[in-house]
PDB file of N, CA and C in Angstrom:
ATOM      1  N   MET A   1     -28.183 -34.818 -31.592  1.00  0.00           N
ATOM      2  CA  MET A   1     -27.994 -33.286 -31.879  1.00  0.00           C
ATOM      3  C   MET A   1     -27.833 -32.654 -30.513  1.00  0.00           C
ATOM      4  N   PHE A   2     -26.777 -31.805 -30.521  1.00  0.00           N
ATOM      5  CA  PHE A   2     -26.576 -31.019 -29.173  1.00  0.00           C
ATOM      6  C   PHE A   2     -26.942 -29.586 -29.542  1.00  0.00           C
ATOM      7  N   ILE A   3     -27.617 -28.921 -28.576  1.00  0.00           N
ATOM      8  CA  ILE A   3     -27.897 -27.362 -28.838  1.00  0.00           C
ATOM      9  C   ILE A   3     -27.375 -26.688 -27.557  1.00  0.00           C
ATOM     10  N   GLU A   4     -27.341 -25.379 -27.733  1.00  0.00           N
ATOM     11  CA  GLU A   4     -27.036 -24.460 -26.486  1.00  0.00           C
ATOM     12  C   GLU A   4     -28.110 -23.642 -26.115  1.00  0.00           C
ATOM     13  N   VAL A   5     -28.383 -23.563 -24.990  1.00  0.00           N
ATOM     14  CA  VAL A   5     -29.525 -23.120 -24.232  1.00  0.00           C
ATOM     15  C   VAL A   5     -29.155 -22.440 -22.843  1.00  0.00           C
ATOM     16  N   VAL A   6     -29.908 -21.311 -22.796  1.00  0.00           N
ATOM     17  CA  VAL A   6     -29.636 -20.460 -21.501  1.00  0.00           C
ATOM     18  C   VAL A   6     -29.426 -21.462 -20.101  1.00  0.00           C
ATOM     19  N   LYS A   7     -28.297 -21.427 -19.588  1.00  0.00           N
ATOM     20  CA  LYS A   7     -28.180 -22.205 -18.328  1.00  0.00           C
ATOM     21  C   LYS A   7     -28.417 -21.162 -17.140  1.00  0.00           C
ATOM     22  N   SER A   8     -27.935 -19.928 -17.106  1.00  0.00           N
ATOM     23  CA  SER A   8     -28.158 -19.201 -15.844  1.00  0.00           C
ATOM     24  C   SER A   8     -28.467 -17.667 -16.309  1.00  0.00           C
ATOM     25  N   LYS A   9     -29.033 -16.951 -15.759  1.00  0.00           N
ATOM     26  CA  LYS A   9     -29.369 -15.687 -15.908  1.00  0.00           C
ATOM     27  C   LYS A   9     -29.639 -14.573 -14.916  1.00  0.00           C
ATOM     28  N   ILE A  10     -28.692 -13.573 -14.664  1.00  0.00           N
ATOM     29  CA  ILE A  10     -28.914 -12.684 -13.580  1.00  0.00           C
ATOM     30  C   ILE A  10     -29.512 -11.441 -14.332  1.00  0.00           C
ATOM     31  N   HIS A  11     -30.831 -11.105 -14.007  1.00  0.00           N
ATOM     32  CA  HIS A  11     -31.354  -9.972 -14.833  1.00  0.00           C
ATOM     33  C   HIS A  11     -31.595  -8.604 -14.274  1.00  0.00           C
ATOM     34  N   ARG A  12     -30.724  -7.661 -14.949  1.00  0.00           N
ATOM     35  CA  ARG A  12     -30.874  -6.328 -14.389  1.00  0.00           C
ATOM     36  C   ARG A  12     -30.358  -6.206 -13.103  1.00  0.00           C
ATOM     37  N   VAL A  13     -29.022  -5.971 -13.073  1.00  0.00           N
ATOM     38  CA  VAL A  13     -28.331  -5.775 -11.991  1.00  0.00           C
ATOM     39  C   VAL A  13     -27.087  -4.517 -12.292  1.00  0.00           C
ATOM     40  N   SER A  14     -26.969  -3.538 -11.439  1.00  0.00           N
ATOM     41  CA  SER A  14     -26.333  -2.362 -11.665  1.00  0.00           C
ATOM     42  C   SER A  14     -24.898  -2.578 -11.431  1.00  0.00           C
ATOM     43  N   ILE A  15     -24.161  -1.982 -12.488  1.00  0.00           N
ATOM     44  CA  ILE A  15     -22.655  -1.883 -12.587  1.00  0.00           C
ATOM     45  C   ILE A  15     -22.233  -1.107 -11.120  1.00  0.00           C
ATOM     46  N   THR A  16     -21.366  -1.637 -10.254  1.00  0.00           N
ATOM     47  CA  THR A  16     -20.983  -0.947  -9.237  1.00  0.00           C
ATOM     48  C   THR A  16     -19.458  -0.412  -9.288  1.00  0.00           C
ATOM     49  N   GLY A  17     -18.711  -0.911 -10.150  1.00  0.00           N
ATOM     50  CA  GLY A  17     -17.470  -0.373 -10.524  1.00  0.00           C
ATOM     51  C   GLY A  17     -16.984  -0.898 -11.837  1.00  0.00           C
ATOM     52  N   SER A  18     -15.701  -0.348 -12.223  1.00  0.00           N
ATOM     53  CA  SER A  18     -15.019  -0.756 -13.407  1.00  0.00           C
ATOM     54  C   SER A  18     -13.545  -0.642 -13.156  1.00  0.00           C
ATOM     55  N   GLU A  19     -12.732  -1.623 -13.627  1.00  0.00           N
ATOM     56  CA  GLU A  19     -11.185  -1.619 -13.229  1.00  0.00           C
ATOM     57  C   GLU A  19     -10.571  -1.862 -14.603  1.00  0.00           C
ATOM     58  N   LEU A  20     -10.187  -0.735 -15.171  1.00  0.00           N
ATOM     59  CA  LEU A  20      -9.577  -0.916 -16.622  1.00  0.00           C
ATOM     60  C   LEU A  20      -8.121  -1.738 -16.653  1.00  0.00           C
ATOM     61  N   ASN A  21      -7.450  -1.485 -15.605  1.00  0.00           N
ATOM     62  CA  ASN A  21      -6.033  -2.096 -15.431  1.00  0.00           C
ATOM     63  C   ASN A  21      -6.264  -3.407 -14.674  1.00  0.00           C
ATOM     64  N   TYR A  22      -6.748  -4.212 -15.187  1.00  0.00           N
ATOM     65  CA  TYR A  22      -6.933  -5.573 -14.541  1.00  0.00           C
ATOM     66  C   TYR A  22      -7.045  -6.597 -15.948  1.00  0.00           C
ATOM     67  N   VAL A  23      -6.628  -7.724 -15.514  1.00  0.00           N
ATOM     68  CA  VAL A  23      -6.492  -8.781 -16.617  1.00  0.00           C
ATOM     69  C   VAL A  23      -7.800  -9.028 -17.373  1.00  0.00           C
ATOM     70  N   GLY A  24      -8.927  -9.128 -16.766  1.00  0.00           N
ATOM     71  CA  GLY A  24     -10.107  -9.263 -17.483  1.00  0.00           C
ATOM     72  C   GLY A  24     -11.134  -9.953 -16.575  1.00  0.00           C
ATOM     73  N   SER A  25     -12.308  -9.894 -17.063  1.00  0.00           N
ATOM     74  CA  SER A  25     -13.397 -10.637 -16.332  1.00  0.00           C
ATOM     75  C   SER A  25     -14.564  -9.766 -15.856  1.00  0.00           C
ATOM     76  N   ILE A  26     -15.456 -10.413 -15.249  1.00  0.00           N
ATOM     77  CA  ILE A  26     -16.619  -9.673 -14.403  1.00  0.00           C
ATOM     78  C   ILE A  26     -16.693 -10.197 -13.066  1.00  0.00           C
ATOM     79  N   THR A  27     -16.623  -9.376 -11.956  1.00  0.00           N
ATOM     80  CA  THR A  27     -16.552  -9.590 -10.528  1.00  0.00           C
ATOM     81  C   THR A  27     -18.137  -9.497 -10.307  1.00  0.00           C
ATOM     82  N   ILE A  28     -18.332 -10.757  -9.649  1.00  0.00           N
ATOM     83  CA  ILE A  28     -19.927 -10.870  -9.265  1.00  0.00           C
ATOM     84  C   ILE A  28     -19.959 -11.215  -7.760  1.00  0.00           C
ATOM     85  N   ASP A  29     -20.733 -10.661  -7.081  1.00  0.00           N
ATOM     86  CA  ASP A  29     -21.164 -11.032  -5.545  1.00  0.00           C
ATOM     87  C   ASP A  29     -21.288 -12.556  -5.571  1.00  0.00           C
ATOM     88  N   GLU A  30     -20.774 -13.252  -4.758  1.00  0.00           N
ATOM     89  CA  GLU A  30     -20.762 -14.707  -4.466  1.00  0.00           C
ATOM     90  C   GLU A  30     -22.165 -15.219  -4.192  1.00  0.00           C
ATOM     91  N   ASP A  31     -22.916 -14.352  -3.432  1.00  0.00           N
ATOM     92  CA  ASP A  31     -24.379 -14.588  -3.337  1.00  0.00           C
ATOM     93  C   ASP A  31     -25.167 -14.853  -4.644  1.00  0.00           C
ATOM     94  N   LEU A  32     -24.915 -13.888  -5.553  1.00  0.00           N
ATOM     95  CA  LEU A  32     -25.631 -13.603  -6.833  1.00  0.00           C
ATOM     96  C   LEU A  32     -25.014 -15.030  -7.761  1.00  0.00           C
ATOM     97  N   MET A  33     -23.672 -15.258  -7.508  1.00  0.00           N
ATOM     98  CA  MET A  33     -23.375 -16.286  -8.267  1.00  0.00           C
ATOM     99  C   MET A  33     -23.995 -17.734  -7.919  1.00  0.00           C
ATOM    100  N   ASP A  34     -24.044 -17.896  -6.583  1.00  0.00           N
ATOM    101  CA  ASP A  34     -24.918 -19.196  -5.992  1.00  0.00           C
ATOM    102  C   ASP A  34     -26.282 -19.261  -6.584  1.00  0.00           C
ATOM    103  N   ALA A  35     -26.939 -18.096  -6.420  1.00  0.00           N
ATOM    104  CA  ALA A  35     -28.343 -17.950  -6.827  1.00  0.00           C
ATOM    105  C   ALA A  35     -28.815 -18.416  -8.136  1.00  0.00           C
ATOM    106  N   ALA A  36     -27.476 -17.862  -9.084  1.00  0.00           N
ATOM    107  CA  ALA A  36     -27.608 -18.228 -10.662  1.00  0.00           C
ATOM    108  C   ALA A  36     -27.101 -19.459 -10.854  1.00  0.00           C
ATOM    109  N   ASN A  37     -26.426 -20.066 -10.162  1.00  0.00           N
ATOM    110  CA  ASN A  37     -25.841 -21.318 -10.482  1.00  0.00           C
ATOM    111  C   ASN A  37     -24.561 -21.102 -11.476  1.00  0.00           C
ATOM    112  N   LEU A  38     -23.922 -19.951 -11.032  1.00  0.00           N
ATOM    113  CA  LEU A  38     -22.732 -19.672 -11.857  1.00  0.00           C
ATOM    114  C   LEU A  38     -21.503 -20.219 -11.078  1.00  0.00           C
ATOM    115  N   ILE A  39     -20.179 -20.376 -11.749  1.00  0.00           N
ATOM    116  CA  ILE A  39     -19.067 -20.699 -10.950  1.00  0.00           C
ATOM    117  C   ILE A  39     -17.771 -19.836 -11.479  1.00  0.00           C
ATOM    118  N   GLU A  40     -16.816 -19.966 -10.663  1.00  0.00           N
ATOM    119  CA  GLU A  40     -15.679 -18.865 -11.088  1.00  0.00           C
ATOM    120  C   GLU A  40     -15.207 -19.542 -12.194  1.00  0.00           C
ATOM    121  N   GLY A  41     -14.703 -18.750 -13.125  1.00  0.00           N
ATOM    122  CA  GLY A  41     -14.442 -18.975 -14.657  1.00  0.00           C
ATOM    123  C   GLY A  41     -15.002 -19.315 -15.674  1.00  0.00           C
ATOM    124  N   GLU A  42     -16.472 -19.380 -15.367  1.00  0.00           N
ATOM    125  CA  GLU A  42     -17.531 -19.522 -16.441  1.00  0.00           C
ATOM    126  C   GLU A  42     -17.577 -18.501 -17.385  1.00  0.00           C
ATOM    127  N   LYS A  43     -17.761 -18.790 -18.521  1.00  0.00           N
ATOM    128  CA  LYS A  43     -18.101 -17.805 -19.536  1.00  0.00           C
ATOM    129  C   LYS A  43     -19.298 -17.365 -19.505  1.00  0.00           C
ATOM    130  N   VAL A  44     -19.483 -16.035 -19.687  1.00  0.00           N
ATOM    131  CA  VAL A  44     -20.755 -15.317 -19.605  1.00  0.00           C
ATOM    132  C   VAL A  44     -20.861 -14.179 -20.664  1.00  0.00           C
ATOM    133  N   HIS A  45     -22.101 -14.071 -20.990  1.00  0.00           N
ATOM    134  CA  HIS A  45     -22.423 -12.861 -21.908  1.00  0.00           C
ATOM    135  C   HIS A  45     -23.032 -11.605 -21.358  1.00  0.00           C
ATOM    136  N   ILE A  46     -22.553 -10.487 -21.569  1.00  0.00           N
ATOM    137  CA  ILE A  46     -22.981  -9.495 -20.764  1.00  0.00           C
ATOM    138  C   ILE A  46     -23.650  -8.577 -21.854  1.00  0.00           C
ATOM    139  N   VAL A  47     -24.909  -8.094 -21.389  1.00  0.00           N
ATOM    140  CA  VAL A  47     -25.703  -7.227 -22.154  1.00  0.00           C
ATOM    141  C   VAL A  47     -26.132  -6.027 -21.496  1.00  0.00           C
ATOM    142  N   ASN A  48     -25.505  -4.800 -21.934  1.00  0.00           N
ATOM    143  CA  ASN A  48     -25.712  -3.361 -21.154  1.00  0.00           C
ATOM    144  C   ASN A  48     -27.012  -2.907 -21.710  1.00  0.00           C
ATOM    145  N   ILE A  49     -27.967  -2.832 -20.775  1.00  0.00           N
ATOM    146  CA  ILE A  49     -29.360  -2.235 -21.160  1.00  0.00           C
ATOM    147  C   ILE A  49     -29.162  -0.569 -21.585  1.00  0.00           C
ATOM    148  N   ASN A  50     -28.054   0.136 -21.000  1.00  0.00           N
ATOM    149  CA  ASN A  50     -28.161   1.529 -21.185  1.00  0.00           C
ATOM    150  C   ASN A  50     -27.618   1.937 -22.364  1.00  0.00           C
ATOM    151  N   ASN A  51     -26.671   1.059 -23.130  1.00  0.00           N
ATOM    152  CA  ASN A  51     -26.024   1.401 -24.435  1.00  0.00           C
ATOM    153  C   ASN A  51     -25.970   0.443 -25.384  1.00  0.00           C
ATOM    154  N   GLY A  52     -26.444  -0.735 -25.122  1.00  0.00           N
ATOM    155  CA  GLY A  52     -26.720  -1.881 -26.103  1.00  0.00           C
ATOM    156  C   GLY A  52     -25.386  -2.745 -26.411  1.00  0.00           C
ATOM    157  N   GLU A  53     -24.564  -2.525 -25.760  1.00  0.00           N
ATOM    158  CA  GLU A  53     -23.097  -3.233 -25.720  1.00  0.00           C
ATOM    159  C   GLU A  53     -23.399  -4.677 -25.368  1.00  0.00           C
ATOM    160  N   ARG A  54     -22.736  -5.659 -26.028  1.00  0.00           N
ATOM    161  CA  ARG A  54     -22.691  -6.854 -25.908  1.00  0.00           C
ATOM    162  C   ARG A  54     -21.259  -7.427 -25.869  1.00  0.00           C
ATOM    163  N   LEU A  55     -20.915  -8.300 -24.875  1.00  0.00           N
ATOM    164  CA  LEU A  55     -19.632  -8.571 -24.514  1.00  0.00           C
ATOM    165  C   LEU A  55     -19.330 -10.049 -24.087  1.00  0.00           C
ATOM    166  N   ILE A  56     -18.529 -10.526 -24.143  1.00  0.00           N
ATOM    167  CA  ILE A  56     -18.360 -12.129 -23.484  1.00  0.00           C
ATOM    168  C   ILE A  56     -17.073 -11.845 -22.497  1.00  0.00           C
ATOM    169  N   THR A  57     -17.061 -12.277 -21.414  1.00  0.00           N
ATOM    170  CA  THR A  57     -16.034 -12.588 -20.447  1.00  0.00           C
ATOM    171  C   THR A  57     -16.196 -13.685 -19.600  1.00  0.00           C
ATOM    172  N   TYR A  58     -15.398 -13.850 -18.417  1.00  0.00           N
ATOM    173  CA  TYR A  58     -15.569 -14.786 -17.545  1.00  0.00           C
ATOM    174  C   TYR A  58     -15.759 -14.310 -15.793  1.00  0.00           C
ATOM    175  N   VAL A  59     -16.226 -15.375 -15.131  1.00  0.00           N
ATOM    176  CA  VAL A  59     -16.843 -14.898 -13.754  1.00  0.00           C
ATOM    177  C   VAL A  59     -15.603 -14.812 -12.686  1.00  0.00           C
ATOM    178  N   ILE A  60     -15.326 -13.918 -11.881  1.00  0.00           N
ATOM    179  CA  ILE A  60     -14.608 -14.198 -10.724  1.00  0.00           C
ATOM    180  C   ILE A  60     -15.454 -13.857  -9.505  1.00  0.00           C
ATOM    181  N   LYS A  61     -15.150 -14.408  -8.535  1.00  0.00           N
ATOM    182  CA  LYS A  61     -16.032 -14.353  -7.266  1.00  0.00           C
ATOM    183  C   LYS A  61     -15.657 -12.719  -6.687  1.00  0.00           C
ATOM    184  N   GLY A  62     -16.756 -12.133  -6.219  1.00  0.00           N
ATOM    185  CA  GLY A  62     -17.029 -10.973  -5.449  1.00  0.00           C
ATOM    186  C   GLY A  62     -17.118 -11.277  -3.943  1.00  0.00           C
ATOM    187  N   GLU A  63     -16.993 -10.434  -3.185  1.00  0.00           N
ATOM    188  CA  GLU A  63     -17.226 -10.660  -1.645  1.00  0.00           C
ATOM    189  C   GLU A  63     -19.048 -10.887  -1.607  1.00  0.00           C
ATOM    190  N   ARG A  64     -19.114 -11.790  -0.820  1.00  0.00           N
ATOM    191  CA  ARG A  64     -20.519 -11.931  -0.465  1.00  0.00           C
ATOM    192  C   ARG A  64     -21.286 -10.706   0.426  1.00  0.00           C
ATOM    193  N   LYS A  65     -22.529 -10.476   0.019  1.00  0.00           N
ATOM    194  CA  LYS A  65     -23.365  -9.410   0.488  1.00  0.00           C
ATOM    195  C   LYS A  65     -22.848  -8.067   0.291  1.00  0.00           C
ATOM    196  N   LYS A  66     -22.099  -8.023  -0.833  1.00  0.00           N
ATOM    197  CA  LYS A  66     -21.494  -6.391  -1.007  1.00  0.00           C
ATOM    198  C   LYS A  66     -22.342  -6.157  -2.297  1.00  0.00           C
ATOM    199  N   GLY A  67     -23.057  -6.843  -2.942  1.00  0.00           N
ATOM    200  CA  GLY A  67     -23.682  -6.479  -4.342  1.00  0.00           C
ATOM    201  C   GLY A  67     -22.710  -6.121  -5.520  1.00  0.00           C
ATOM    202  N   GLU A  68     -21.367  -6.513  -5.400  1.00  0.00           N
ATOM    203  CA  GLU A  68     -20.609  -6.158  -6.391  1.00  0.00           C
ATOM    204  C   GLU A  68     -20.874  -6.633  -7.720  1.00  0.00           C
ATOM    205  N   ILE A  69     -20.774  -5.679  -8.751  1.00  0.00           N
ATOM    206  CA  ILE A  69     -20.796  -6.086 -10.170  1.00  0.00           C
ATOM    207  C   ILE A  69     -19.739  -5.270 -10.850  1.00  0.00           C
ATOM    208  N   ILE A  70     -18.528  -5.811 -11.016  1.00  0.00           N
ATOM    209  CA  ILE A  70     -17.544  -4.837 -11.445  1.00  0.00           C
ATOM    210  C   ILE A  70     -16.787  -5.612 -12.862  1.00  0.00           C
ATOM    211  N   LEU A  71     -16.771  -4.605 -13.827  1.00  0.00           N
ATOM    212  CA  LEU A  71     -16.203  -5.084 -15.227  1.00  0.00           C
ATOM    213  C   LEU A  71     -14.818  -4.604 -15.087  1.00  0.00           C
ATOM    214  N   ASN A  72     -13.964  -5.690 -15.563  1.00  0.00           N
ATOM    215  CA  ASN A  72     -12.663  -5.722 -15.480  1.00  0.00           C
ATOM    216  C   ASN A  72     -11.909  -5.663 -16.465  1.00  0.00           C
ATOM    217  N   GLY A  73     -10.729  -5.212 -16.853  1.00  0.00           N
ATOM    218  CA  GLY A  73      -9.949  -5.038 -18.346  1.00  0.00           C
ATOM    219  C   GLY A  73     -10.670  -4.106 -19.151  1.00  0.00           C
ATOM    220  N   PRO A  74     -10.231  -4.374 -20.597  1.00  0.00           N
ATOM    221  CA  PRO A  74     -10.877  -3.946 -21.428  1.00  0.00           C
ATOM    222  C   PRO A  74     -12.404  -3.503 -21.490  1.00  0.00           C
ATOM    223  N   ALA A  75     -13.089  -4.391 -21.085  1.00  0.00           N
ATOM    224  CA  ALA A  75     -14.593  -4.408 -20.836  1.00  0.00           C
ATOM    225  C   ALA A  75     -15.113  -3.312 -20.120  1.00  0.00           C
ATOM    226  N   ALA A  76     -14.186  -2.982 -19.217  1.00  0.00           N
ATOM    227  CA  ALA A  76     -14.430  -1.733 -18.333  1.00  0.00           C
ATOM    228  C   ALA A  76     -14.827  -0.531 -19.219  1.00  0.00           C
ATOM    229  N   ARG A  77     -14.329  -0.519 -20.420  1.00  0.00           N
ATOM    230  CA  ARG A  77     -14.700   0.831 -21.400  1.00  0.00           C
ATOM    231  C   ARG A  77     -16.105   0.629 -21.731  1.00  0.00           C
ATOM    232  N   LYS A  78     -16.793  -0.344 -21.507  1.00  0.00           N
ATOM    233  CA  LYS A  78     -18.169  -0.791 -22.270  1.00  0.00           C
ATOM    234  C   LYS A  78     -19.227  -0.616 -21.314  1.00  0.00           C
ATOM    235  N   VAL A  79     -18.792  -0.145 -20.079  1.00  0.00           N
ATOM    236  CA  VAL A  79     -20.007   0.157 -19.057  1.00  0.00           C
ATOM    237  C   VAL A  79     -19.629   1.509 -18.133  1.00  0.00           C
ATOM    238  N   ALA A  80     -20.743   2.006 -17.478  1.00  0.00           N
ATOM    239  CA  ALA A  80     -20.453   3.150 -16.615  1.00  0.00           C
ATOM    240  C   ALA A  80     -21.088   2.637 -15.200  1.00  0.00           C
ATOM    241  N   LYS A  81     -20.458   3.248 -14.288  1.00  0.00           N
ATOM    242  CA  LYS A  81     -21.028   2.912 -12.727  1.00  0.00           C
ATOM    243  C   LYS A  81     -22.644   3.279 -12.947  1.00  0.00           C
ATOM    244  N   GLY A  82     -23.303   2.152 -12.597  1.00  0.00           N
ATOM    245  CA  GLY A  82     -24.755   2.626 -12.605  1.00  0.00           C
ATOM    246  C   GLY A  82     -25.501   1.768 -13.532  1.00  0.00           C
ATOM    247  N   ASP A  83     -24.859   1.670 -14.828  1.00  0.00           N
ATOM    248  CA  ASP A  83     -25.491   0.870 -15.788  1.00  0.00           C
ATOM    249  C   ASP A  83     -26.094  -0.361 -15.480  1.00  0.00           C
ATOM    250  N   ILE A  84     -27.307  -0.811 -16.008  1.00  0.00           N
ATOM    251  CA  ILE A  84     -27.911  -1.846 -15.735  1.00  0.00           C
ATOM    252  C   ILE A  84     -27.574  -3.001 -16.844  1.00  0.00           C
ATOM    253  N   ILE A  85     -27.307  -4.018 -16.500  1.00  0.00           N
ATOM    254  CA  ILE A  85     -26.802  -5.264 -17.398  1.00  0.00           C
ATOM    255  C   ILE A  85     -27.519  -6.406 -17.139  1.00  0.00           C
ATOM    256  N   ILE A  86     -27.486  -7.272 -18.025  1.00  0.00           N
ATOM    257  CA  ILE A  86     -28.142  -8.803 -17.779  1.00  0.00           C
ATOM    258  C   ILE A  86     -26.621  -9.639 -17.989  1.00  0.00           C
ATOM    259  N   ILE A  87     -26.537 -10.504 -17.065  1.00  0.00           N
ATOM    260  CA  ILE A  87     -25.596 -11.503 -17.117  1.00  0.00           C
ATOM    261  C   ILE A  87     -26.064 -13.042 -17.609  1.00  0.00           C
ATOM    262  N   ILE A  88     -25.546 -13.620 -18.744  1.00  0.00           N
ATOM    263  CA  ILE A  88     -26.228 -14.826 -19.199  1.00  0.00           C
ATOM    264  C   ILE A  88     -25.012 -15.864 -19.499  1.00  0.00           C
ATOM    265  N   SER A  89     -25.232 -17.024 -19.043  1.00  0.00           N
ATOM    266  CA  SER A  89     -24.428 -18.092 -19.172  1.00  0.00           C
ATOM    267  C   SER A  89     -25.136 -19.177 -20.060  1.00  0.00           C
ATOM    268  N   TYR A  90     -24.469 -19.862 -20.810  1.00  0.00           N
ATOM    269  CA  TYR A  90     -25.266 -21.013 -21.711  1.00  0.00           C
ATOM    270  C   TYR A  90     -24.576 -22.389 -21.490  1.00  0.00           C
ATOM    271  N   ALA A  91     -25.288 -23.344 -21.764  1.00  0.00           N
ATOM    272  CA  ALA A  91     -24.767 -24.896 -21.606  1.00  0.00           C
ATOM    273  C   ALA A  91     -25.146 -25.573 -22.961  1.00  0.00           C
ATOM    274  N   THR A  92     -24.405 -26.525 -23.327  1.00  0.00           N
ATOM    275  CA  THR A  92     -24.548 -27.429 -24.511  1.00  0.00           C
ATOM    276  C   THR A  92     -25.197 -28.685 -23.799  1.00  0.00           C
ATOM    277  N   MET A  93     -26.216 -29.116 -24.254  1.00  0.00           N
ATOM    278  CA  MET A  93     -26.879 -30.348 -24.099  1.00  0.00           C
ATOM    279  C   MET A  93     -27.575 -31.049 -25.233  1.00  0.00           C
ATOM    280  N   ASP A  94     -27.858 -32.148 -24.915  1.00  0.00           N
ATOM    281  CA  ASP A  94     -28.557 -33.095 -25.765  1.00  0.00           C
ATOM    282  C   ASP A  94     -30.018 -32.285 -26.152  1.00  0.00           C
ATOM    283  N   PHE A  95     -30.528 -32.315 -27.321  1.00  0.00           N
ATOM    284  CA  PHE A  95     -31.693 -31.737 -27.788  1.00  0.00           C
ATOM    285  C   PHE A  95     -32.952 -32.183 -26.694  1.00  0.00           C
ATOM    286  N   GLU A  96     -33.126 -33.372 -26.602  1.00  0.00           N
ATOM    287  CA  GLU A  96     -34.054 -34.084 -25.608  1.00  0.00           C
ATOM    288  C   GLU A  96     -34.045 -33.568 -24.489  1.00  0.00           C
ATOM    289  N   GLU A  97     -32.529 -33.632 -23.738  1.00  0.00           N
ATOM    290  CA  GLU A  97     -32.491 -32.958 -22.277  1.00  0.00           C
ATOM    291  C   GLU A  97     -33.021 -31.595 -22.336  1.00  0.00           C
ATOM    292  N   ALA A  98     -32.498 -30.939 -23.315  1.00  0.00           N
ATOM    293  CA  ALA A  98     -32.704 -29.382 -23.259  1.00  0.00           C
ATOM    294  C   ALA A  98     -34.521 -29.062 -23.209  1.00  0.00           C
ATOM    295  N   LYS A  99     -35.272 -29.958 -23.708  1.00  0.00           N
ATOM    296  CA  LYS A  99     -36.491 -29.599 -23.621  1.00  0.00           C
ATOM    297  C   LYS A  99     -37.227 -29.670 -22.013  1.00  0.00           C
ATOM    298  N   ASN A 100     -36.439 -30.038 -21.270  1.00  0.00           N
ATOM    299  CA  ASN A 100     -36.875 -30.346 -19.867  1.00  0.00           C
ATOM    300  C   ASN A 100     -36.183 -29.662 -18.920  1.00  0.00           C
ATOM    301  N   PHE A 101     -35.024 -28.868 -19.486  1.00  0.00           N
ATOM    302  CA  PHE A 101     -34.079 -27.923 -18.633  1.00  0.00           C
ATOM    303  C   PHE A 101     -34.876 -26.856 -18.308  1.00  0.00           C
ATOM    304  N   LYS A 102     -34.397 -26.434 -17.076  1.00  0.00           N
ATOM    305  CA  LYS A 102     -34.994 -25.191 -16.281  1.00  0.00           C
ATOM    306  C   LYS A 102     -33.766 -24.547 -16.121  1.00  0.00           C
ATOM    307  N   PRO A 103     -33.564 -23.106 -16.590  1.00  0.00           N
ATOM    308  CA  PRO A 103     -32.558 -22.487 -16.344  1.00  0.00           C
ATOM    309  C   PRO A 103     -32.576 -21.727 -14.678  1.00  0.00           C
ATOM    310  N   SER A 104     -31.547 -21.303 -14.377  1.00  0.00           N
ATOM    311  CA  SER A 104     -31.530 -20.629 -13.129  1.00  0.00           C
ATOM    312  C   SER A 104     -31.484 -19.099 -13.466  1.00  0.00           C
ATOM    313  N   ILE A 105     -32.626 -18.519 -13.325  1.00  0.00           N
ATOM    314  CA  ILE A 105     -32.786 -17.092 -13.533  1.00  0.00           C
ATOM    315  C   ILE A 105     -33.166 -16.330 -12.187  1.00  0.00           C
ATOM    316  N   VAL A 106     -32.282 -15.227 -11.957  1.00  0.00           N
ATOM    317  CA  VAL A 106     -32.216 -14.557 -10.825  1.00  0.00           C
ATOM    318  C   VAL A 106     -32.861 -13.068 -11.085  1.00  0.00           C
ATOM    319  N   PHE A 107     -33.694 -12.596 -10.360  1.00  0.00           N
ATOM    320  CA  PHE A 107     -34.113 -11.173 -10.521  1.00  0.00           C
ATOM    321  C   PHE A 107     -33.709 -10.117  -9.160  1.00  0.00           C
ATOM    322  N   PRO A 108     -32.637  -9.951  -9.153  1.00  0.00           N
ATOM    323  CA  PRO A 108     -32.204  -9.026  -7.938  1.00  0.00           C
ATOM    324  C   PRO A 108     -32.734  -7.669  -7.736  1.00  0.00           C
ATOM    325  N   ASN A 109     -32.811  -7.057  -6.682  1.00  0.00           N
ATOM    326  CA  ASN A 109     -32.916  -5.581  -6.713  1.00  0.00           C
ATOM    327  C   ASN A 109     -31.927  -4.847  -7.413  1.00  0.00           C
ATOM    328  N   GLU A 110     -32.154  -4.071  -8.383  1.00  0.00           N
ATOM    329  CA  GLU A 110     -31.171  -3.525  -9.168  1.00  0.00           C
ATOM    330  C   GLU A 110     -30.715  -2.354  -8.753  1.00  0.00           C
ATOM    331  N   LYS A 111     -31.134  -1.787  -7.626  1.00  0.00           N
ATOM    332  CA  LYS A 111     -30.893  -0.459  -6.919  1.00  0.00           C
ATOM    333  C   LYS A 111     -29.571  -1.056  -6.028  1.00  0.00           C
ATOM    334  N   ASP A 112     -29.210  -2.040  -5.387  1.00  0.00           N
ATOM    335  CA  ASP A 112     -28.375  -2.441  -4.602  1.00  0.00           C
ATOM    336  C   ASP A 112     -27.927  -3.802  -4.881  1.00  0.00           C
ATOM    337  N   ASN A 113     -28.457  -4.647  -6.211  1.00  0.00           N
ATOM    338  CA  ASN A 113     -28.057  -5.776  -6.370  1.00  0.00           C
ATOM    339  C   ASN A 113     -28.355  -6.792  -5.344  1.00  0.00           C
ATOM    340  N   SER A 114     -29.221  -6.819  -4.359  1.00  0.00           N
ATOM    341  CA  SER A 114     -29.433  -7.706  -3.278  1.00  0.00           C
ATOM    342  C   SER A 114     -30.370  -8.652  -3.939  1.00  0.00           C
ATOM    343  N   LEU A 115     -30.698  -9.774  -3.215  1.00  0.00           N
ATOM    344  CA  LEU A 115     -31.491 -10.964  -3.667  1.00  0.00           C
ATOM    345  C   LEU A 115     -32.984 -10.595  -2.911  1.00  0.00           C
ATOM    346  N   THR A 116     -33.132  -9.713  -2.111  1.00  0.00           N
ATOM    347  CA  THR A 116     -34.300  -9.448  -1.357  1.00  0.00           C
ATOM    348  C   THR A 116     -34.804  -8.268  -1.823  1.00  0.00           C
TER     349      THR A 116
END
């Protein structure tokens, strides 16, 4: 049997911008991507703490050390600059493997999205 489990999570980061006229996705600072074990193009769930919105999109790389968290395309209407969000990705794995799996969970400074 296979189950879906949390693979990666960036817990409580601030939206730094939104770009409505873009194809779609979420731009994430590459340092945060590395820390959370996320790759470009990976499917992620976004949970907005401020308004309760939940959406699904995919990751694109942002510049390192900039703290960028930008929602692009139609999802830009679901956030406001300064909103706090959680970014979650999942993996499908064998039930027994999942019992020992440890997700990559990152707790950045939500004021500037830095890792320190």
